[in-house]
Protein backbone atom coordinates (compact mmCIF):
# COMPACT_ATOMS: atom_id res chain seq x y z
CA UNK A 1 21.81 -13.73 78.23
CA UNK A 2 21.16 -11.67 75.08
CA UNK A 3 24.12 -10.01 73.45
CA UNK A 4 23.10 -6.40 73.77
CA UNK A 5 25.73 -5.33 71.27
CA UNK A 6 23.84 -7.29 68.64
CA UNK A 7 20.76 -5.20 69.25
CA UNK A 8 17.13 -5.85 68.34
CA UNK A 9 16.08 -7.19 64.92
CA UNK A 10 15.75 -4.41 62.32
CA UNK A 11 11.93 -4.54 62.29
CA UNK A 12 11.77 -4.22 66.08
CA UNK A 13 14.34 -1.42 66.05
CA UNK A 14 12.32 0.57 63.54
CA UNK A 15 9.23 0.26 65.75
CA UNK A 16 11.19 1.28 68.86
CA UNK A 17 12.84 4.19 67.05
CA UNK A 18 9.58 5.54 65.66
CA UNK A 19 7.86 5.18 69.03
CA UNK A 20 10.71 7.02 70.72
CA UNK A 21 10.57 9.84 68.16
CA UNK A 22 6.79 10.15 68.49
CA UNK A 23 7.09 10.72 72.22
CA UNK A 24 9.85 13.31 71.96
CA UNK A 25 8.02 15.19 69.20
CA UNK A 26 4.96 15.51 71.43
CA UNK A 27 6.94 16.47 74.54
CA UNK A 28 9.02 19.09 72.72
CA UNK A 29 6.01 20.39 70.79
CA UNK A 30 4.36 21.14 74.12
CA UNK A 31 7.60 22.70 75.33
CA UNK A 32 8.12 24.85 72.20
CA UNK A 33 4.63 26.23 71.77
CA UNK A 34 5.29 27.99 75.05
CA UNK A 35 8.42 29.57 73.56
CA UNK A 36 6.56 30.73 70.46
CA UNK A 37 3.71 32.13 72.54
CA UNK A 38 6.17 33.82 74.90
CA UNK A 39 7.81 35.57 71.95
CA UNK A 40 4.54 36.59 70.27
CA UNK A 41 1.80 37.17 72.83
CA UNK A 42 2.63 36.51 76.50
CA UNK A 43 3.96 40.03 76.98
CA UNK A 44 0.46 41.28 76.13
CA UNK A 45 -1.68 38.85 78.13
CA UNK A 46 0.47 38.19 81.20
CA UNK A 47 2.74 41.26 81.46
CA UNK A 48 0.69 44.07 79.86
CA UNK A 49 1.83 46.86 82.18
CA UNK A 50 5.52 46.55 81.30
CA UNK A 51 5.43 47.59 77.65
CA UNK A 52 6.52 45.61 74.60
CA UNK A 53 10.28 45.35 75.22
CA UNK A 54 10.23 44.72 78.98
CA UNK A 55 7.20 42.47 78.69
CA UNK A 56 8.88 40.35 76.02
CA UNK A 57 12.06 40.09 78.10
CA UNK A 58 10.09 38.89 81.11
CA UNK A 59 8.01 36.50 79.00
CA UNK A 60 11.22 34.98 77.62
CA UNK A 61 12.55 34.80 81.18
CA UNK A 62 9.58 32.63 82.12
CA UNK A 63 10.55 30.44 79.18
CA UNK A 64 14.03 30.15 80.68
CA UNK A 65 12.66 29.14 84.08
CA UNK A 66 12.02 25.66 82.70
CA UNK A 67 15.73 25.19 82.03
CA UNK A 68 16.47 25.63 85.71
CA UNK A 69 13.93 22.91 86.45
CA UNK A 70 15.22 20.52 83.80
CA UNK A 71 18.28 19.20 85.71
CA UNK A 72 16.04 18.53 88.70
CA UNK A 73 13.70 16.66 86.37
CA UNK A 74 16.61 14.57 85.12
CA UNK A 75 17.56 13.70 88.71
CA UNK A 76 13.98 12.94 89.76
CA UNK A 77 12.95 10.88 86.76
CA UNK A 78 16.44 9.49 86.28
CA UNK A 79 16.16 8.04 89.79
CA UNK A 80 13.02 6.13 88.88
CA UNK A 81 14.22 5.35 85.37
CA UNK A 82 17.39 3.74 86.69
CA UNK A 83 15.68 1.96 89.58
CA UNK A 84 12.32 0.93 88.12
CA UNK A 85 12.71 1.10 84.35
CA UNK A 86 12.64 3.38 81.33
CA UNK A 87 9.11 2.66 80.06
CA UNK A 88 7.03 3.59 83.11
CA UNK A 89 9.08 6.72 83.72
CA UNK A 90 8.52 7.93 80.17
CA UNK A 91 4.76 7.43 80.48
CA UNK A 92 4.84 9.61 83.60
CA UNK A 93 6.81 12.42 81.94
CA UNK A 94 4.39 12.45 79.01
CA UNK A 95 1.35 12.73 81.28
CA UNK A 96 2.97 15.47 83.35
CA UNK A 97 3.81 17.47 80.25
CA UNK A 98 0.29 17.03 78.89
CA UNK A 99 -1.34 18.22 82.10
CA UNK A 100 0.81 21.34 82.45
CA UNK A 101 0.41 22.31 78.79
CA UNK A 102 -3.38 21.98 78.91
CA UNK A 103 -3.42 24.04 82.11
CA UNK A 104 -1.48 26.86 80.42
CA UNK A 105 -4.02 26.86 77.60
CA UNK A 106 -6.84 27.28 80.11
CA UNK A 107 -5.04 29.79 82.36
CA UNK A 108 -6.86 33.12 82.94
CA UNK A 109 -4.91 36.23 81.97
CA UNK A 110 -3.57 39.02 84.18
CA UNK A 111 -6.57 41.13 83.23
CA UNK A 112 -8.84 38.50 84.79
CA UNK A 113 -7.09 37.30 87.96
CA UNK A 114 -4.28 39.80 88.35
CA UNK A 115 -0.84 38.81 89.60
CA UNK A 116 -1.92 35.20 90.15
CA UNK A 117 -1.82 34.68 86.38
CA UNK A 118 1.93 35.17 85.84
CA UNK A 119 2.65 33.27 89.07
CA UNK A 120 0.61 30.30 87.88
CA UNK A 121 2.28 30.56 84.47
CA UNK A 122 5.73 30.24 86.05
CA UNK A 123 4.65 27.27 88.20
CA UNK A 124 3.26 25.44 85.18
CA UNK A 125 6.41 26.24 83.22
CA UNK A 126 8.47 24.67 86.01
CA UNK A 127 6.32 21.53 85.74
CA UNK A 128 6.99 21.47 81.99
CA UNK A 129 10.70 21.78 82.71
CA UNK A 130 10.63 18.85 85.13
CA UNK A 131 8.82 16.71 82.56
CA UNK A 132 11.09 17.46 79.63
CA UNK A 133 14.12 17.11 81.94
CA UNK A 134 13.18 13.47 82.43
CA UNK A 135 12.09 12.90 78.84
CA UNK A 136 15.22 13.13 76.73
CA UNK A 137 17.43 10.57 78.44
CA UNK A 138 14.70 7.96 78.69
CA UNK A 139 13.60 8.34 75.08
CA UNK A 140 17.19 8.19 73.88
CA UNK A 141 17.93 5.08 75.94
CA UNK A 142 15.00 3.28 74.35
CA UNK A 143 16.89 3.38 71.08
CA UNK A 144 20.52 3.47 72.25
CA UNK A 145 20.18 0.49 74.57
CA UNK A 146 18.37 -1.60 71.95
CA UNK A 147 20.44 -0.66 68.88
CA UNK A 148 23.37 -2.59 67.39
CA UNK A 149 26.72 -1.04 68.35
CA UNK A 150 27.65 -0.09 64.80
CA UNK A 151 24.26 1.49 64.10
CA UNK A 152 23.67 3.18 67.44
CA UNK A 153 24.08 6.65 65.99
CA UNK A 154 21.56 5.93 63.23
CA UNK A 155 18.87 4.68 65.59
CA UNK A 156 19.58 7.14 68.40
CA UNK A 157 18.93 10.00 65.94
CA UNK A 158 15.17 9.30 66.02
CA UNK A 159 14.51 10.88 69.41
CA UNK A 160 16.96 13.60 68.35
CA UNK A 161 14.51 14.53 65.59
CA UNK A 162 11.93 15.43 68.23
CA UNK A 163 13.01 19.08 68.70
CA UNK A 164 13.29 19.89 64.99
CA UNK A 165 9.99 18.27 64.04
CA UNK A 166 8.30 19.79 67.08
CA UNK A 167 9.58 23.28 66.27
CA UNK A 168 8.34 23.04 62.68
CA UNK A 169 4.99 21.69 63.94
CA UNK A 170 4.67 24.44 66.57
CA UNK A 171 5.48 27.10 63.99
CA UNK A 172 2.94 25.61 61.59
CA UNK A 173 0.26 25.56 64.28
CA UNK A 174 0.77 29.21 65.15
CA UNK A 175 1.00 30.08 61.45
CA UNK A 176 -2.42 28.55 60.82
CA UNK A 177 -3.93 30.55 63.67
CA UNK A 178 -2.26 33.72 62.37
CA UNK A 179 -3.66 33.22 58.87
CA UNK A 180 -7.19 32.34 59.97
CA UNK A 181 -7.91 35.02 62.57
CA UNK A 182 -7.23 38.66 63.28
CA UNK A 183 -4.42 39.79 65.53
CA UNK A 184 -6.98 40.84 68.14
CA UNK A 185 -8.57 37.40 68.14
CA UNK A 186 -5.16 35.73 68.34
CA UNK A 187 -4.21 37.77 71.40
CA UNK A 188 -7.63 37.31 73.00
CA UNK A 189 -7.99 33.54 72.61
CA UNK A 190 -6.29 32.15 69.48
CA UNK A 191 -2.96 31.52 71.21
CA UNK A 192 -4.70 28.99 73.47
CA UNK A 193 -5.57 26.60 70.63
CA UNK A 194 -2.12 24.96 70.29
CA UNK A 195 -1.96 24.36 74.05
CA UNK A 196 -5.44 22.83 74.35
CA UNK A 197 -5.13 20.92 71.09
CA UNK A 198 -1.93 19.23 72.28
CA UNK A 199 -4.12 16.90 74.38
CA UNK A 200 -4.82 14.90 71.22
CA UNK A 201 -1.10 14.47 70.56
CA UNK A 202 -0.50 13.37 74.15
CA UNK A 203 -3.18 10.69 73.78
CA UNK A 204 -1.39 9.34 70.71
CA UNK A 205 1.97 9.39 72.49
CA UNK A 206 0.54 7.60 75.51
CA UNK A 207 -0.88 4.85 73.30
CA UNK A 208 2.50 4.39 71.62
CA UNK A 209 4.51 4.32 74.84
CA UNK A 210 2.25 1.86 76.63
CA UNK A 211 2.93 -0.62 73.82
CA UNK A 212 6.71 -0.53 74.31
CA UNK A 213 8.82 -3.12 76.17
CA UNK A 214 11.53 -2.39 78.71
CA UNK A 215 15.05 -2.36 77.21
CA UNK A 216 16.96 -5.64 77.35
CA UNK A 217 20.08 -3.87 78.59
CA UNK A 218 18.24 -2.52 81.63
CA UNK A 219 16.70 -5.93 82.39
CA UNK A 220 20.10 -7.62 82.23
CA UNK A 221 21.77 -5.02 84.41
CA UNK A 222 18.95 -5.18 86.95
CA UNK A 223 19.19 -8.98 87.02
CA UNK A 224 22.99 -9.00 87.36
CA UNK A 225 23.62 -6.22 89.86
CA UNK A 226 20.23 -5.13 91.19
CA UNK A 227 18.97 -1.54 91.24
CA UNK A 228 21.18 1.26 92.45
CA UNK A 229 19.93 2.87 95.66
CA UNK A 230 20.77 6.45 94.72
CA UNK A 231 21.69 6.90 91.04
CA UNK A 232 22.63 10.59 91.33
CA UNK A 233 25.19 9.78 94.04
CA UNK A 234 26.82 7.13 91.84
CA UNK A 235 26.90 9.51 88.91
CA UNK A 236 28.88 12.17 90.76
CA UNK A 237 31.17 9.76 92.61
CA UNK A 238 32.17 7.65 89.61
CA UNK A 239 31.55 9.79 86.49
CA UNK A 240 31.74 13.51 87.42
CA UNK A 241 34.01 14.40 84.48
CA UNK A 242 31.61 12.75 82.03
CA UNK A 243 28.73 14.84 83.40
CA UNK A 244 30.45 18.22 83.17
CA UNK A 245 32.38 17.62 79.95
CA UNK A 246 29.27 16.14 78.34
CA UNK A 247 27.28 19.19 79.41
CA UNK A 248 29.95 21.57 78.15
CA UNK A 249 30.17 19.74 74.84
CA UNK A 250 26.41 20.17 74.33
CA UNK A 251 26.02 23.77 75.51
CA UNK A 252 26.53 25.36 72.07
CA UNK A 253 23.80 23.13 70.63
CA UNK A 254 21.31 24.55 73.14
CA UNK A 255 22.51 28.12 72.71
CA UNK A 256 22.04 28.14 68.94
CA UNK A 257 18.80 26.22 69.00
CA UNK A 258 17.01 28.36 71.55
CA UNK A 259 18.27 31.60 70.04
CA UNK A 260 16.67 30.31 66.85
CA UNK A 261 13.35 29.07 68.22
CA UNK A 262 12.59 31.78 70.79
CA UNK A 263 14.72 34.91 70.52
CA UNK A 264 14.68 35.18 66.72
CA UNK A 265 10.90 34.78 66.65
CA UNK A 266 10.64 37.95 68.72
CA UNK A 267 13.58 39.65 66.97
CA UNK A 268 12.07 39.13 63.53
CA UNK A 269 8.73 40.71 64.42
CA UNK A 270 9.81 43.47 66.82
CA UNK A 271 13.30 44.50 65.62
CA UNK A 272 13.06 43.76 61.90
CA UNK A 273 9.37 44.55 61.45
CA UNK A 274 8.57 41.29 59.68
CA UNK A 275 5.04 39.94 59.83
CA UNK A 276 4.19 37.13 62.20
CA UNK A 277 3.23 34.73 59.36
CA UNK A 278 6.58 35.40 57.65
CA UNK A 279 8.58 34.63 60.79
CA UNK A 280 6.55 31.49 61.51
CA UNK A 281 6.85 30.26 57.92
CA UNK A 282 10.64 30.66 58.07
CA UNK A 283 10.55 28.75 61.36
CA UNK A 284 9.09 25.77 59.52
CA UNK A 285 11.90 25.93 56.96
CA UNK A 286 14.49 26.24 59.73
CA UNK A 287 13.06 23.21 61.51
CA UNK A 288 13.36 21.15 58.32
CA UNK A 289 16.98 22.20 57.84
CA UNK A 290 17.72 21.32 61.46
CA UNK A 291 16.18 17.86 60.97
CA UNK A 292 18.29 17.21 57.86
CA UNK A 293 21.58 18.14 59.52
CA UNK A 294 20.62 16.08 62.59
CA UNK A 295 20.15 13.03 60.38
CA UNK A 296 23.43 13.65 58.58
CA UNK A 297 25.41 14.18 61.79
CA UNK A 298 24.04 11.05 63.47
CA UNK A 299 24.64 8.74 60.52
CA UNK A 300 28.11 10.15 59.92
CA UNK A 301 28.98 9.50 63.57
CA UNK A 302 28.62 5.74 63.00
CA UNK A 303 31.26 6.00 60.27
CA UNK A 304 33.89 8.38 61.61
CA UNK A 305 33.10 8.58 65.32
CA UNK A 306 30.81 10.56 67.58
CA UNK A 307 33.42 12.90 69.02
CA UNK A 308 34.83 13.86 65.62
CA UNK A 309 31.43 14.88 64.26
CA UNK A 310 30.63 16.91 67.40
CA UNK A 311 34.01 18.65 67.00
CA UNK A 312 33.12 19.52 63.41
CA UNK A 313 29.76 20.83 64.57
CA UNK A 314 31.29 23.07 67.23
CA UNK A 315 33.87 24.45 64.79
CA UNK A 316 31.08 25.24 62.33
CA UNK A 317 29.14 26.89 65.16
CA UNK A 318 31.98 29.33 65.84
CA UNK A 319 31.78 30.48 62.22
CA UNK A 320 27.97 30.50 62.21
CA UNK A 321 27.86 32.71 65.28
CA UNK A 322 29.94 35.32 63.47
CA UNK A 323 28.03 35.37 60.17
CA UNK A 324 24.41 34.71 61.18
CA UNK A 325 23.33 38.12 62.46
CA UNK A 326 24.87 40.21 59.65
CA UNK A 327 22.75 38.08 57.32
CA UNK A 328 19.62 38.38 59.47
CA UNK A 329 20.03 42.15 59.86
CA UNK A 330 19.71 42.71 56.11
CA UNK A 331 16.08 42.79 57.18
CA UNK A 332 14.28 41.00 54.35
CA UNK A 333 12.17 37.89 54.75
CA UNK A 334 14.65 35.82 52.75
CA UNK A 335 17.70 37.06 54.66
CA UNK A 336 15.92 36.30 57.93
CA UNK A 337 15.09 32.81 56.68
CA UNK A 338 18.66 32.23 55.52
CA UNK A 339 20.11 33.43 58.82
CA UNK A 340 17.66 31.27 60.78
CA UNK A 341 18.63 28.25 58.67
CA UNK A 342 22.31 28.94 59.43
CA UNK A 343 21.58 29.12 63.16
CA UNK A 344 19.43 25.98 63.25
CA UNK A 345 21.25 24.04 60.55
CA UNK A 346 24.58 24.17 62.34
CA UNK A 347 22.91 22.77 65.49
CA UNK A 348 22.10 19.44 63.90
CA UNK A 349 25.70 18.58 63.06
CA UNK A 350 26.57 18.17 66.73
CA UNK A 351 23.08 17.36 68.00
CA UNK A 352 22.66 14.25 65.87
CA UNK A 353 25.55 12.30 67.45
CA UNK A 354 24.90 13.17 71.10
CA UNK A 355 21.87 10.89 71.24
CA UNK A 356 24.38 8.05 71.22
CA UNK A 357 27.40 9.86 72.67
CA UNK A 358 26.00 10.88 76.06
CA UNK A 359 24.52 7.43 76.88
CA UNK A 360 27.87 5.84 75.92
CA UNK A 361 29.57 7.78 78.72
CA UNK A 362 27.65 6.03 81.54
CA UNK A 363 26.98 2.43 82.70
CA UNK A 364 23.43 1.07 82.72
CA UNK A 365 23.00 1.34 86.53
CA UNK A 366 22.85 5.13 86.33
CA UNK A 367 22.80 5.88 82.61
CA UNK A 368 19.36 7.51 82.65
CA UNK A 369 20.44 9.88 85.43
CA UNK A 370 23.94 10.60 84.13
CA UNK A 371 23.02 11.27 80.52
CA UNK A 372 19.98 13.29 81.59
CA UNK A 373 21.92 15.52 83.99
CA UNK A 374 24.64 16.22 81.41
CA UNK A 375 22.08 17.06 78.74
CA UNK A 376 19.96 19.29 80.95
CA UNK A 377 22.86 21.14 82.56
CA UNK A 378 23.76 22.15 79.01
CA UNK A 379 20.18 23.33 78.67
CA UNK A 380 20.50 25.62 81.69
CA UNK A 381 23.52 27.45 80.29
CA UNK A 382 22.90 27.25 76.57
CA UNK A 383 19.12 27.31 76.37
CA UNK A 384 18.24 29.32 79.46
CA UNK A 385 21.01 31.81 80.15
CA UNK A 386 22.26 32.62 76.63
CA UNK A 387 18.87 33.79 75.22
CA UNK A 388 18.24 35.79 78.39
CA UNK A 389 21.61 37.54 78.10
CA UNK A 390 20.92 38.16 74.43
CA UNK A 391 17.85 40.28 75.17
CA UNK A 392 20.07 42.58 77.25
CA UNK A 393 22.96 42.70 74.75
CA UNK A 394 21.12 44.02 71.72
CA UNK A 395 20.08 47.43 73.17
CA UNK A 396 23.64 48.00 74.43
CA UNK A 397 25.89 46.57 71.72
CA UNK A 398 23.71 45.55 68.79
CA UNK A 399 22.98 42.13 67.38
CA UNK A 400 26.64 41.40 66.57
CA UNK A 401 27.15 40.91 70.30
CA UNK A 402 24.85 37.88 70.16
CA UNK A 403 26.96 36.39 67.40
CA UNK A 404 30.11 36.96 69.46
CA UNK A 405 28.45 35.31 72.46
CA UNK A 406 27.43 32.30 70.38
CA UNK A 407 30.94 31.98 68.97
CA UNK A 408 32.45 32.08 72.47
CA UNK A 409 30.04 29.41 73.73
CA UNK A 410 30.92 27.26 70.71
CA UNK A 411 34.63 27.56 71.51
CA UNK A 412 33.90 26.36 75.05
CA UNK A 413 31.92 23.40 73.73
CA UNK A 414 34.73 22.57 71.34
CA UNK A 415 37.26 22.42 74.20
CA UNK A 416 34.98 20.16 76.26
CA UNK A 417 34.37 17.85 73.30
CA UNK A 418 38.09 17.42 72.70
CA UNK A 419 38.49 16.39 76.35
CA UNK A 420 35.84 13.64 76.11
CA UNK A 421 36.85 10.03 75.41
CA UNK A 422 35.96 8.34 72.12
CA UNK A 423 33.32 5.76 73.06
CA UNK A 424 31.39 4.81 69.93
CA UNK A 425 33.37 1.62 69.18
CA UNK A 426 32.28 0.14 72.53
CA UNK A 427 29.12 -1.73 73.32
CA UNK A 428 27.17 -0.24 76.18
CA UNK A 429 27.97 -3.40 78.11
CA UNK A 430 31.63 -2.32 78.11
CA UNK A 431 30.69 0.56 80.41
CA UNK A 432 29.09 -1.93 82.80
CA UNK A 433 32.19 -4.11 82.73
CA UNK A 434 34.40 -1.11 83.38
CA UNK A 435 32.30 -0.12 86.39
CA UNK A 436 32.52 -3.66 87.76
CA UNK A 437 36.31 -3.45 87.82
CA UNK A 438 36.41 -0.19 89.79
């Protein structure tokens, strides 16, 4: 039997890590172009009768619908990922995301088919949520289950780069359309280009994923103990604290990130009066900063421990929540860019390590399901509810209320992180051995 703690040879690990990152970039690109479009144009093409403010709020609410679907996606695809394998499940999530994204790009507007348009939009957004709910855990396990114990944080960071690279890529795509066509053309048909064009990226991702092998850790667990009949039941009977504390620890990451990638896109254009190209260009810079701090946080976690780095990230998030909006509200392009970099940069400190931390909390038999549920529950509260509340807070209390909300969520995540065990010194096989003794 292979010593899973030893991991794959470095050359194989680099191939696995890059393949994992490629898939998550594509999945999250498809997911994020919806958020950018929701902030910029969906109020006009799907909710035109509501006015700019109400239409934007409802468009962002449809963005949040996917977060409700994500935990169900983690249960559904986690079931098959834990029973049948990681590879085939990840191919399915990629195809599902590609289909729903293309369909959104081809969807008639409210002016053409009436109320059926926003209804279909919500249904397709739910499908996107199911797909991305099953994506993260599987992509992360490709690297975490193959990596050497002492380098698990370094290799598990590759799928963690998916959101930052995807956000920068989505912003760049919309920036190109904004610079090459009039606003009228963008609203009429230009917004569809990123959705339809994503088919090419999905084809690349499918080619990469079909070339991957199943993880050795999964094969060994399947050979030794067989497949679990109902992974979600085992998760909540044997590891409920890991699920809820893991979700709580990650909630601030989602809150800051989705305030940055969706709400601030709308806030910059509508509240601050900045041009769409300016906001999108700053989004590219913010995505790069997020990627750099993700890399730093993940690598540091191999040296000083996963939990300690996540604690540092949550402490920094409390401070960032307080200072970000006073900077943004100066109202210049550079102050907006700096504030956005603060919001997104602080995310990476904690986000980098959780690619290894959450899988380390669960044994192989239900690791896909357990890690996925924890991650996507955090998405419901941090990525779905917090931005939605934020749209209601600003008219009543001003933008400082958003900063206070972010600081409070960060304090909650800090408390949950402190309650988690330190797991990074263990091989993933230790979780399997611990389960066998229960």
